[in-house]
Protein backbone atom coordinates (compact mmCIF):
# COMPACT_ATOMS: atom_id res chain seq x y z
CA MET A 1 0.00 0.00 0.00
CA ALA A 2 1.32 3.42 -1.00
CA LYS A 3 2.04 5.96 1.68
CA THR A 4 -0.04 9.11 1.57
CA ALA A 5 -0.02 12.52 3.24
CA ASN A 6 -3.03 14.61 4.14
CA ILE A 7 -3.73 18.15 2.97
CA ASN A 8 -6.54 20.06 4.65
CA ILE A 9 -8.09 22.97 2.78
CA ARG A 10 -11.00 25.30 3.46
CA ILE A 11 -13.35 26.18 0.63
CA ASP A 12 -16.88 27.50 0.47
CA PRO A 13 -19.51 24.73 0.24
CA GLU A 14 -20.95 25.93 -3.07
CA THR A 15 -17.56 25.78 -4.81
CA LYS A 16 -16.89 22.34 -3.34
CA SER A 17 -20.24 21.02 -4.50
CA SER A 18 -19.79 22.44 -8.01
CA ALA A 19 -16.28 20.98 -8.23
CA GLU A 20 -17.52 17.57 -7.06
CA GLU A 21 -20.18 17.60 -9.79
CA LEU A 22 -17.68 18.66 -12.42
CA PHE A 23 -15.07 16.07 -11.52
CA ALA A 24 -17.70 13.34 -11.13
CA SER A 25 -18.65 13.99 -14.77
CA PHE A 26 -15.04 13.00 -15.60
CA GLY A 27 -15.26 9.97 -13.31
CA ILE A 28 -12.79 11.33 -10.76
CA THR A 29 -12.94 12.70 -7.22
CA ILE A 30 -11.72 16.04 -5.89
CA THR A 31 -8.75 14.16 -4.42
CA ASP A 32 -7.96 12.77 -7.89
CA ALA A 33 -8.26 16.27 -9.39
CA ILE A 34 -5.95 17.78 -6.77
CA ASN A 35 -3.40 15.02 -7.39
CA ILE A 36 -3.58 15.70 -11.13
CA PHE A 37 -3.13 19.43 -10.50
CA LEU A 38 -0.11 18.89 -8.22
CA ARG A 39 1.58 16.40 -10.58
CA LYS A 40 1.01 18.68 -13.58
CA SER A 41 2.40 21.62 -11.59
CA LEU A 42 5.54 19.61 -10.86
CA MET A 43 5.88 18.65 -14.53
CA GLU A 44 5.47 22.29 -15.62
CA GLY A 45 7.66 23.70 -12.88
CA GLY A 46 4.86 26.03 -11.79
CA LEU A 47 1.16 26.54 -12.17
CA PRO A 48 -0.13 24.60 -15.18
CA PHE A 49 -2.05 27.61 -16.48
CA GLU A 50 -1.53 31.33 -16.96
CA VAL A 51 -2.47 33.53 -14.02
CA LYS A 52 -3.36 37.10 -14.84
CA GLN A 53 -5.87 39.80 -14.08
CA PRO A 54 -8.71 40.04 -16.59
CA ARG A 55 -8.60 43.17 -18.72
CA TYR A 56 -11.78 44.84 -19.83
CA ASN A 57 -12.44 47.84 -22.00
CA VAL A 58 -13.38 51.11 -20.28
CA GLU A 59 -17.12 50.71 -20.93
CA THR A 60 -17.15 47.23 -19.35
CA GLU A 61 -15.14 48.42 -16.33
CA VAL A 62 -17.62 51.27 -15.77
CA ALA A 63 -20.54 48.80 -16.01
CA ILE A 64 -18.86 46.44 -13.50
CA ARG A 65 -18.31 49.29 -11.03
CA GLU A 66 -21.93 50.41 -11.45
CA ALA A 67 -23.24 46.87 -10.90
CA LYS A 68 -21.14 46.50 -7.73
CA ALA A 69 -22.40 49.86 -6.44
CA ILE A 70 -26.00 48.79 -7.08
CA MET A 71 -25.44 45.47 -5.30
CA GLU A 72 -23.88 47.27 -2.31
CA GLY A 73 -26.80 49.72 -2.16
CA GLN A 74 -24.60 52.73 -2.92
CA ILE A 75 -26.72 53.76 -5.90
CA GLN A 76 -30.29 53.03 -6.88
CA ALA A 77 -30.89 50.87 -9.95
CA LYS A 78 -32.95 52.44 -12.72
CA GLN A 79 -36.59 51.37 -12.85
CA TYR A 80 -39.06 51.58 -15.70
CA SER A 81 -42.84 51.61 -15.72
CA SER A 82 -42.90 49.36 -18.78
CA ALA A 83 -40.71 47.54 -21.25
CA LYS A 84 -41.64 50.25 -23.77
CA ALA A 85 -40.14 52.93 -21.50
CA LEU A 86 -36.95 50.88 -21.14
CA PHE A 87 -36.58 50.47 -24.90
CA GLU A 88 -37.32 54.13 -25.55
CA GLU A 89 -34.46 55.10 -23.23
CA LEU A 90 -32.13 52.52 -24.79
CA ASN A 91 -32.98 53.77 -28.28
CA ALA A 92 -32.41 57.37 -27.18
CA GLU A 93 -29.00 56.44 -25.73
CA ALA A 94 -28.09 54.57 -28.93
CA GLY A 95 -28.99 57.69 -30.93
CA ASP A 96 -26.59 59.74 -28.78
CA LYS A 97 -23.63 57.64 -29.86
């Protein structure tokens, strides 16, 4: 029997559950996936994927900041009385560009 060592990690339950589902679809466990990751890291001499910050265009960055501010209650989200009112504003904004 091969000797093994334990690694204890903390992860949020939703991520764990999603990962278990994903890896089960491949027929492997989270332990198997972690072993694959570690062995591949050793083969590569580092992380087996590129790590970098996502880059967005200015318009997308502004939209992300606005969405975060809405979620944090810092600004009020726009509301419309009807779908027609929403589309009228969208069409007006498109005409401004």
